[in-house]
Amino acid sequence: MNTELEPKQNEYRDCPKCGFETFDELSNCPKCSTQLQTESKIRTAGSIQTAGGWMLVIFMSFVGIGLAAMFNYSKYHAEAKTRHNFSQPEASFMMLGAFVLVFTILISGVAFIATGRYAIKHGRRNRQMIKIAVWVICSGLTILALIKGLSVLVD
């Protein structure tokens, strides 16, 4: 049996649902009956979150570089017909939307790395950083929807 993940005596525990925190040896939250997460489980989840954040950042960096190269090639080095296609307003909106999406996912990956590192270091969740990450994702998707709406209006 893996004793690394077994709850230790007087180990920090918190409720992922309502935020209840305790050092008592409880298995379920007294407020909402959700299973409490121990410090070791939070650290393990932080490691997974950090790894996932790094994968997002690395992947989106390559996608962003590829988009920038494609945009540069189509504007300045492609044949005349391709340059003309990329100078159309709908193509500009599409490229802007792609950059917003890549940037949103990239910033979300950075936020996941930060929250994961905090969980590993402290054995606790940084709820404020998680809220910021969710806000960034929602804002980016809202901006993306607005760009899509504007591109429809331009047509």
N, C-alpha and C. Protein backbone atom coordinates (compact mmCIF):
# COMPACT_ATOMS: atom_id res chain seq x y z
N MET A 1 0.84 -1.18 0.00
CA MET A 1 0.00 0.00 0.00
C MET A 1 0.88 1.25 0.00
N ASN A 2 0.50 2.25 -0.73
CA ASN A 2 1.28 3.47 -0.85
C ASN A 2 1.03 4.36 0.36
N THR A 3 2.02 4.47 1.24
CA THR A 3 1.85 5.29 2.44
C THR A 3 2.08 6.77 2.16
N GLU A 4 2.59 7.07 0.98
CA GLU A 4 2.84 8.47 0.61
C GLU A 4 1.54 9.27 0.53
N LEU A 5 0.48 8.63 0.02
CA LEU A 5 -0.79 9.33 -0.15
C LEU A 5 -1.75 9.13 1.02
N GLU A 6 -1.37 8.31 2.00
CA GLU A 6 -2.22 8.11 3.17
C GLU A 6 -2.23 9.38 4.01
N PRO A 7 -3.38 9.78 4.54
CA PRO A 7 -3.43 10.97 5.38
C PRO A 7 -2.59 10.80 6.64
N LYS A 8 -1.82 11.82 6.96
CA LYS A 8 -1.01 11.81 8.16
C LYS A 8 -1.78 12.45 9.29
N GLN A 9 -1.34 12.17 10.51
CA GLN A 9 -2.01 12.75 11.66
C GLN A 9 -1.78 14.25 11.67
N ASN A 10 -2.82 15.02 11.95
CA ASN A 10 -2.80 16.49 11.98
C ASN A 10 -2.36 17.10 10.64
N GLU A 11 -2.67 16.41 9.56
CA GLU A 11 -2.35 16.94 8.23
C GLU A 11 -3.45 17.92 7.80
N TYR A 12 -3.04 18.97 7.09
CA TYR A 12 -3.99 19.95 6.57
C TYR A 12 -4.95 19.26 5.61
N ARG A 13 -6.22 19.63 5.67
CA ARG A 13 -7.26 19.12 4.77
C ARG A 13 -8.18 20.29 4.39
N ASP A 14 -8.63 20.25 3.17
CA ASP A 14 -9.62 21.27 2.78
C ASP A 14 -10.66 20.67 1.84
N CYS A 15 -11.78 21.39 1.78
CA CYS A 15 -12.90 20.97 0.95
C CYS A 15 -12.79 21.68 -0.41
N PRO A 16 -12.74 20.93 -1.50
CA PRO A 16 -12.65 21.57 -2.81
C PRO A 16 -13.95 22.29 -3.21
N LYS A 17 -15.05 21.94 -2.56
CA LYS A 17 -16.34 22.52 -2.93
C LYS A 17 -16.62 23.83 -2.21
N CYS A 18 -16.53 23.82 -0.86
CA CYS A 18 -16.93 25.02 -0.10
C CYS A 18 -15.75 25.77 0.53
N GLY A 19 -14.54 25.17 0.50
CA GLY A 19 -13.37 25.87 1.02
C GLY A 19 -13.12 25.66 2.51
N PHE A 20 -13.84 24.76 3.14
CA PHE A 20 -13.63 24.47 4.56
C PHE A 20 -12.21 23.94 4.76
N GLU A 21 -11.51 24.43 5.78
CA GLU A 21 -10.14 24.01 6.07
C GLU A 21 -10.05 23.52 7.51
N THR A 22 -9.25 22.46 7.72
CA THR A 22 -9.09 21.92 9.07
C THR A 22 -7.79 21.13 9.17
N PHE A 23 -7.34 20.93 10.39
CA PHE A 23 -6.24 20.02 10.67
C PHE A 23 -6.74 18.79 11.41
N ASP A 24 -8.05 18.72 11.65
CA ASP A 24 -8.65 17.56 12.31
C ASP A 24 -8.68 16.38 11.36
N GLU A 25 -8.73 15.18 11.92
CA GLU A 25 -8.75 13.97 11.11
C GLU A 25 -10.17 13.64 10.65
N LEU A 26 -10.68 14.47 9.77
CA LEU A 26 -12.01 14.26 9.19
C LEU A 26 -11.84 13.75 7.77
N SER A 27 -12.78 12.93 7.32
CA SER A 27 -12.72 12.48 5.94
C SER A 27 -13.69 13.24 5.05
N ASN A 28 -14.78 13.73 5.64
CA ASN A 28 -15.78 14.49 4.87
C ASN A 28 -15.98 15.86 5.50
N CYS A 29 -16.34 16.81 4.67
CA CYS A 29 -16.57 18.19 5.11
C CYS A 29 -17.83 18.24 5.99
N PRO A 30 -17.75 18.87 7.17
CA PRO A 30 -18.94 18.98 8.01
C PRO A 30 -19.98 19.95 7.45
N LYS A 31 -19.59 20.83 6.52
CA LYS A 31 -20.53 21.80 5.94
C LYS A 31 -21.31 21.23 4.76
N CYS A 32 -20.59 20.54 3.85
CA CYS A 32 -21.26 20.11 2.61
C CYS A 32 -21.13 18.60 2.34
N SER A 33 -20.49 17.87 3.19
CA SER A 33 -20.32 16.41 3.09
C SER A 33 -19.44 15.95 1.93
N THR A 34 -18.70 16.84 1.30
CA THR A 34 -17.77 16.47 0.25
C THR A 34 -16.51 15.89 0.89
N GLN A 35 -15.87 14.94 0.21
CA GLN A 35 -14.65 14.35 0.74
C GLN A 35 -13.54 15.40 0.79
N LEU A 36 -12.89 15.52 1.94
CA LEU A 36 -11.81 16.49 2.12
C LEU A 36 -10.55 16.02 1.40
N GLN A 37 -9.81 16.96 0.85
CA GLN A 37 -8.54 16.67 0.19
C GLN A 37 -7.41 16.89 1.18
N THR A 38 -6.51 15.93 1.26
CA THR A 38 -5.38 16.07 2.18
C THR A 38 -4.26 16.84 1.49
N GLU A 39 -3.32 17.27 2.30
CA GLU A 39 -2.17 18.04 1.81
C GLU A 39 -1.39 17.25 0.75
N SER A 40 -1.20 15.97 0.96
CA SER A 40 -0.44 15.16 0.01
C SER A 40 -1.19 15.01 -1.32
N LYS A 41 -2.52 14.89 -1.27
CA LYS A 41 -3.29 14.81 -2.51
C LYS A 41 -3.27 16.14 -3.25
N ILE A 42 -3.28 17.24 -2.50
CA ILE A 42 -3.22 18.56 -3.12
C ILE A 42 -1.87 18.75 -3.81
N ARG A 43 -0.80 18.29 -3.17
CA ARG A 43 0.54 18.38 -3.79
C ARG A 43 0.62 17.53 -5.06
N THR A 44 0.03 16.34 -5.02
CA THR A 44 0.02 15.48 -6.20
C THR A 44 -0.76 16.14 -7.34
N ALA A 45 -1.92 16.69 -7.02
CA ALA A 45 -2.72 17.39 -8.03
C ALA A 45 -1.96 18.61 -8.56
N GLY A 46 -1.20 19.28 -7.68
CA GLY A 46 -0.40 20.42 -8.11
C GLY A 46 0.68 20.02 -9.10
N SER A 47 1.27 18.84 -8.89
CA SER A 47 2.29 18.34 -9.82
C SER A 47 1.68 18.07 -11.19
N ILE A 48 0.51 17.47 -11.19
CA ILE A 48 -0.19 17.19 -12.45
C ILE A 48 -0.59 18.48 -13.14
N GLN A 49 -1.07 19.43 -12.35
CA GLN A 49 -1.48 20.73 -12.89
C GLN A 49 -0.28 21.47 -13.49
N THR A 50 0.86 21.42 -12.81
CA THR A 50 2.06 22.08 -13.31
C THR A 50 2.52 21.45 -14.63
N ALA A 51 2.53 20.11 -14.67
CA ALA A 51 2.93 19.42 -15.90
C ALA A 51 1.99 19.77 -17.05
N GLY A 52 0.68 19.77 -16.78
CA GLY A 52 -0.29 20.14 -17.82
C GLY A 52 -0.11 21.58 -18.28
N GLY A 53 0.17 22.47 -17.33
CA GLY A 53 0.42 23.87 -17.69
C GLY A 53 1.63 24.03 -18.59
N TRP A 54 2.71 23.30 -18.27
CA TRP A 54 3.91 23.36 -19.12
C TRP A 54 3.63 22.82 -20.51
N MET A 55 2.85 21.74 -20.59
CA MET A 55 2.51 21.21 -21.92
C MET A 55 1.71 22.23 -22.72
N LEU A 56 0.75 22.91 -22.08
CA LEU A 56 -0.02 23.95 -22.77
C LEU A 56 0.88 25.08 -23.24
N VAL A 57 1.76 25.55 -22.37
CA VAL A 57 2.64 26.67 -22.72
C VAL A 57 3.56 26.31 -23.88
N ILE A 58 4.17 25.13 -23.83
CA ILE A 58 5.09 24.73 -24.90
C ILE A 58 4.34 24.55 -26.22
N PHE A 59 3.21 23.86 -26.17
CA PHE A 59 2.43 23.62 -27.39
C PHE A 59 1.93 24.93 -27.99
N MET A 60 1.36 25.79 -27.15
CA MET A 60 0.81 27.05 -27.66
C MET A 60 1.92 27.99 -28.14
N SER A 61 3.11 27.88 -27.58
CA SER A 61 4.23 28.68 -28.08
C SER A 61 4.55 28.29 -29.52
N PHE A 62 4.60 26.97 -29.77
CA PHE A 62 4.86 26.52 -31.13
C PHE A 62 3.73 26.92 -32.08
N VAL A 63 2.49 26.80 -31.63
CA VAL A 63 1.35 27.20 -32.47
C VAL A 63 1.42 28.70 -32.76
N GLY A 64 1.73 29.50 -31.75
CA GLY A 64 1.84 30.95 -31.93
C GLY A 64 2.94 31.32 -32.90
N ILE A 65 4.09 30.66 -32.78
CA ILE A 65 5.20 30.92 -33.71
C ILE A 65 4.80 30.52 -35.12
N GLY A 66 4.10 29.40 -35.25
CA GLY A 66 3.63 28.96 -36.57
C GLY A 66 2.63 29.95 -37.18
N LEU A 67 1.72 30.45 -36.35
CA LEU A 67 0.75 31.45 -36.83
C LEU A 67 1.44 32.72 -37.28
N ALA A 68 2.41 33.16 -36.49
CA ALA A 68 3.14 34.39 -36.84
C ALA A 68 3.91 34.19 -38.14
N ALA A 69 4.53 33.02 -38.30
CA ALA A 69 5.26 32.75 -39.54
C ALA A 69 4.31 32.70 -40.74
N MET A 70 3.16 32.06 -40.55
CA MET A 70 2.17 31.98 -41.63
C MET A 70 1.66 33.37 -41.99
N PHE A 71 1.39 34.19 -41.00
CA PHE A 71 0.90 35.54 -41.23
C PHE A 71 1.96 36.37 -41.97
N ASN A 72 3.22 36.27 -41.52
CA ASN A 72 4.31 37.00 -42.16
C ASN A 72 4.49 36.56 -43.60
N TYR A 73 4.48 35.25 -43.85
CA TYR A 73 4.64 34.74 -45.20
C TYR A 73 3.50 35.20 -46.10
N SER A 74 2.28 35.12 -45.61
CA SER A 74 1.13 35.46 -46.45
C SER A 74 1.07 36.95 -46.76
N LYS A 75 1.57 37.77 -45.87
CA LYS A 75 1.52 39.23 -46.10
C LYS A 75 2.64 39.72 -47.00
N TYR A 76 3.83 39.11 -46.89
CA TYR A 76 4.99 39.71 -47.55
C TYR A 76 5.68 38.82 -48.57
N HIS A 77 5.53 37.51 -48.50
CA HIS A 77 6.33 36.65 -49.37
C HIS A 77 5.51 35.78 -50.32
N ALA A 78 4.24 35.68 -50.11
CA ALA A 78 3.41 34.78 -50.93
C ALA A 78 3.14 35.42 -52.29
N GLU A 79 2.59 34.62 -53.18
CA GLU A 79 2.21 35.15 -54.49
C GLU A 79 1.06 36.14 -54.33
N ALA A 80 0.80 36.90 -55.36
CA ALA A 80 -0.16 38.01 -55.28
C ALA A 80 -1.56 37.57 -54.87
N LYS A 81 -2.03 36.44 -55.39
CA LYS A 81 -3.38 35.99 -55.07
C LYS A 81 -3.50 35.66 -53.57
N THR A 82 -2.51 35.00 -53.00
CA THR A 82 -2.53 34.67 -51.57
C THR A 82 -2.47 35.94 -50.74
N ARG A 83 -1.61 36.88 -51.13
CA ARG A 83 -1.53 38.17 -50.41
C ARG A 83 -2.87 38.87 -50.44
N HIS A 84 -3.54 38.83 -51.57
CA HIS A 84 -4.84 39.46 -51.70
C HIS A 84 -5.86 38.78 -50.78
N ASN A 85 -5.84 37.45 -50.73
CA ASN A 85 -6.77 36.71 -49.86
C ASN A 85 -6.55 37.06 -48.39
N PHE A 86 -5.30 37.20 -48.00
CA PHE A 86 -5.01 37.50 -46.60
C PHE A 86 -5.22 38.97 -46.26
N SER A 87 -5.37 39.83 -47.26
CA SER A 87 -5.62 41.24 -46.97
C SER A 87 -7.11 41.53 -46.83
N GLN A 88 -7.96 40.54 -47.08
CA GLN A 88 -9.39 40.70 -46.91
C GLN A 88 -9.72 40.85 -45.42
N PRO A 89 -10.76 41.62 -45.07
CA PRO A 89 -11.11 41.83 -43.66
C PRO A 89 -11.43 40.54 -42.91
N GLU A 90 -12.14 39.61 -43.56
CA GLU A 90 -12.48 38.38 -42.85
C GLU A 90 -11.24 37.55 -42.51
N ALA A 91 -10.23 37.59 -43.38
CA ALA A 91 -8.98 36.87 -43.08
C ALA A 91 -8.26 37.54 -41.91
N SER A 92 -8.30 38.86 -41.85
CA SER A 92 -7.67 39.57 -40.74
C SER A 92 -8.38 39.25 -39.42
N PHE A 93 -9.72 39.19 -39.46
CA PHE A 93 -10.46 38.83 -38.25
C PHE A 93 -10.16 37.40 -37.82
N MET A 94 -10.05 36.50 -38.80
CA MET A 94 -9.74 35.12 -38.49
C MET A 94 -8.36 34.99 -37.85
N MET A 95 -7.39 35.70 -38.39
CA MET A 95 -6.04 35.65 -37.84
C MET A 95 -6.00 36.28 -36.45
N LEU A 96 -6.71 37.37 -36.27
CA LEU A 96 -6.78 38.01 -34.95
C LEU A 96 -7.42 37.06 -33.94
N GLY A 97 -8.49 36.40 -34.35
CA GLY A 97 -9.14 35.42 -33.47
C GLY A 97 -8.21 34.28 -33.10
N ALA A 98 -7.44 33.81 -34.06
CA ALA A 98 -6.49 32.73 -33.78
C ALA A 98 -5.43 33.18 -32.77
N PHE A 99 -4.92 34.40 -32.94
CA PHE A 99 -3.93 34.92 -31.99
C PHE A 99 -4.54 35.10 -30.59
N VAL A 100 -5.78 35.57 -30.52
CA VAL A 100 -6.44 35.72 -29.21
C VAL A 100 -6.61 34.35 -28.54
N LEU A 101 -7.01 33.36 -29.30
CA LEU A 101 -7.19 32.01 -28.74
C LEU A 101 -5.86 31.45 -28.25
N VAL A 102 -4.81 31.58 -29.04
CA VAL A 102 -3.49 31.08 -28.63
C VAL A 102 -3.02 31.82 -27.39
N PHE A 103 -3.17 33.13 -27.36
CA PHE A 103 -2.74 33.92 -26.21
C PHE A 103 -3.53 33.54 -24.96
N THR A 104 -4.84 33.32 -25.10
CA THR A 104 -5.67 32.93 -23.96
C THR A 104 -5.22 31.60 -23.39
N ILE A 105 -4.99 30.62 -24.24
CA ILE A 105 -4.55 29.31 -23.77
C ILE A 105 -3.15 29.39 -23.18
N LEU A 106 -2.29 30.20 -23.77
CA LEU A 106 -0.93 30.38 -23.26
C LEU A 106 -0.94 30.98 -21.86
N ILE A 107 -1.72 32.03 -21.65
CA ILE A 107 -1.82 32.66 -20.33
C ILE A 107 -2.47 31.70 -19.33
N SER A 108 -3.44 30.92 -19.77
CA SER A 108 -4.05 29.92 -18.89
C SER A 108 -3.03 28.88 -18.46
N GLY A 109 -2.17 28.46 -19.38
CA GLY A 109 -1.10 27.52 -19.03
C GLY A 109 -0.16 28.09 -17.99
N VAL A 110 0.18 29.37 -18.12
CA VAL A 110 1.03 30.03 -17.12
C VAL A 110 0.33 30.07 -15.77
N ALA A 111 -0.97 30.36 -15.77
CA ALA A 111 -1.72 30.38 -14.51
C ALA A 111 -1.79 28.98 -13.90
N PHE A 112 -1.93 27.93 -14.72
CA PHE A 112 -1.94 26.56 -14.20
C PHE A 112 -0.59 26.21 -13.59
N ILE A 113 0.49 26.66 -14.21
CA ILE A 113 1.82 26.42 -13.65
C ILE A 113 1.95 27.10 -12.30
N ALA A 114 1.51 28.35 -12.23
CA ALA A 114 1.62 29.10 -10.97
C ALA A 114 0.79 28.46 -9.86
N THR A 115 -0.44 28.07 -10.16
CA THR A 115 -1.28 27.45 -9.11
C THR A 115 -0.75 26.07 -8.73
N GLY A 116 -0.23 25.33 -9.69
CA GLY A 116 0.34 24.02 -9.39
C GLY A 116 1.59 24.13 -8.52
N ARG A 117 2.45 25.09 -8.85
CA ARG A 117 3.66 25.31 -8.03
C ARG A 117 3.29 25.74 -6.62
N TYR A 118 2.28 26.56 -6.48
CA TYR A 118 1.82 26.99 -5.15
C TYR A 118 1.33 25.78 -4.36
N ALA A 119 0.55 24.91 -5.01
CA ALA A 119 0.03 23.72 -4.34
C ALA A 119 1.16 22.78 -3.92
N ILE A 120 2.17 22.64 -4.77
CA ILE A 120 3.30 21.78 -4.42
C ILE A 120 4.07 22.35 -3.24
N LYS A 121 4.33 23.64 -3.28
CA LYS A 121 5.14 24.27 -2.25
C LYS A 121 4.42 24.34 -0.90
N HIS A 122 3.14 24.71 -0.89
CA HIS A 122 2.43 24.97 0.35
C HIS A 122 1.47 23.84 0.75
N GLY A 123 1.13 22.95 -0.16
CA GLY A 123 0.16 21.90 0.16
C GLY A 123 -1.26 22.41 0.25
N ARG A 124 -1.50 23.58 -0.32
CA ARG A 124 -2.82 24.21 -0.30
C ARG A 124 -3.13 24.75 -1.69
N ARG A 125 -4.41 24.96 -1.94
CA ARG A 125 -4.82 25.55 -3.22
C ARG A 125 -4.77 27.07 -3.13
N ASN A 126 -4.41 27.70 -4.23
CA ASN A 126 -4.47 29.15 -4.31
C ASN A 126 -5.76 29.49 -5.06
N ARG A 127 -6.83 29.64 -4.31
CA ARG A 127 -8.14 29.85 -4.91
C ARG A 127 -8.21 31.16 -5.72
N GLN A 128 -7.47 32.16 -5.29
CA GLN A 128 -7.47 33.44 -6.01
C GLN A 128 -6.86 33.27 -7.41
N MET A 129 -5.76 32.54 -7.50
CA MET A 129 -5.12 32.32 -8.80
C MET A 129 -6.00 31.46 -9.70
N ILE A 130 -6.71 30.51 -9.12
CA ILE A 130 -7.63 29.68 -9.91
C ILE A 130 -8.75 30.55 -10.48
N LYS A 131 -9.27 31.48 -9.67
CA LYS A 131 -10.31 32.39 -10.15
C LYS A 131 -9.78 33.28 -11.28
N ILE A 132 -8.53 33.73 -11.15
CA ILE A 132 -7.93 34.56 -12.21
C ILE A 132 -7.78 33.74 -13.49
N ALA A 133 -7.36 32.49 -13.39
CA ALA A 133 -7.21 31.63 -14.57
C ALA A 133 -8.56 31.43 -15.27
N VAL A 134 -9.59 31.19 -14.49
CA VAL A 134 -10.94 31.02 -15.07
C VAL A 134 -11.39 32.32 -15.71
N TRP A 135 -11.12 33.46 -15.07
CA TRP A 135 -11.49 34.76 -15.63
C TRP A 135 -10.76 35.00 -16.95
N VAL A 136 -9.48 34.65 -17.03
CA VAL A 136 -8.71 34.83 -18.27
C VAL A 136 -9.31 33.98 -19.39
N ILE A 137 -9.63 32.73 -19.07
CA ILE A 137 -10.22 31.85 -20.09
C ILE A 137 -11.56 32.41 -20.58
N CYS A 138 -12.41 32.81 -19.65
CA CYS A 138 -13.73 33.36 -20.03
C CYS A 138 -13.59 34.66 -20.83
N SER A 139 -12.66 35.52 -20.42
CA SER A 139 -12.44 36.78 -21.14
C SER A 139 -11.94 36.52 -22.55
N GLY A 140 -10.99 35.61 -22.69
CA GLY A 140 -10.46 35.28 -24.02
C GLY A 140 -11.53 34.71 -24.93
N LEU A 141 -12.36 33.83 -24.39
CA LEU A 141 -13.43 33.27 -25.21
C LEU A 141 -14.49 34.30 -25.56
N THR A 142 -14.74 35.26 -24.66
CA THR A 142 -15.67 36.34 -24.95
C THR A 142 -15.13 37.23 -26.06
N ILE A 143 -13.85 37.57 -25.97
CA ILE A 143 -13.22 38.39 -27.02
C ILE A 143 -13.25 37.64 -28.35
N LEU A 144 -13.00 36.33 -28.30
CA LEU A 144 -13.05 35.52 -29.51
C LEU A 144 -14.45 35.55 -30.13
N ALA A 145 -15.48 35.46 -29.29
CA ALA A 145 -16.86 35.51 -29.79
C ALA A 145 -17.17 36.89 -30.38
N LEU A 146 -16.67 37.94 -29.76
CA LEU A 146 -16.87 39.30 -30.31
C LEU A 146 -16.18 39.45 -31.66
N ILE A 147 -14.98 38.91 -31.78
CA ILE A 147 -14.27 38.98 -33.07
C ILE A 147 -15.04 38.22 -34.13
N LYS A 148 -15.55 37.06 -33.76
CA LYS A 148 -16.35 36.27 -34.71
C LYS A 148 -17.60 37.04 -35.13
N GLY A 149 -18.25 37.70 -34.17
CA GLY A 149 -19.42 38.50 -34.48
C GLY A 149 -19.09 39.67 -35.39
N LEU A 150 -17.97 40.33 -35.14
CA LEU A 150 -17.55 41.45 -36.00
C LEU A 150 -17.21 40.98 -37.39
N SER A 151 -16.62 39.79 -37.51
CA SER A 151 -16.27 39.30 -38.84
C SER A 151 -17.52 38.99 -39.65
N VAL A 152 -18.60 38.56 -38.98
CA VAL A 152 -19.86 38.30 -39.67
C VAL A 152 -20.47 39.62 -40.14
N LEU A 153 -20.35 40.68 -39.31
CA LEU A 153 -20.88 41.97 -39.69
C LEU A 153 -20.14 42.60 -40.86
N VAL A 154 -18.84 42.32 -40.96
CA VAL A 154 -18.02 42.89 -42.04
C VAL A 154 -18.40 42.26 -43.39
N ASP A 155 -18.78 40.96 -43.36
CA ASP A 155 -19.13 40.28 -44.62
C ASP A 155 -20.27 40.94 -45.24
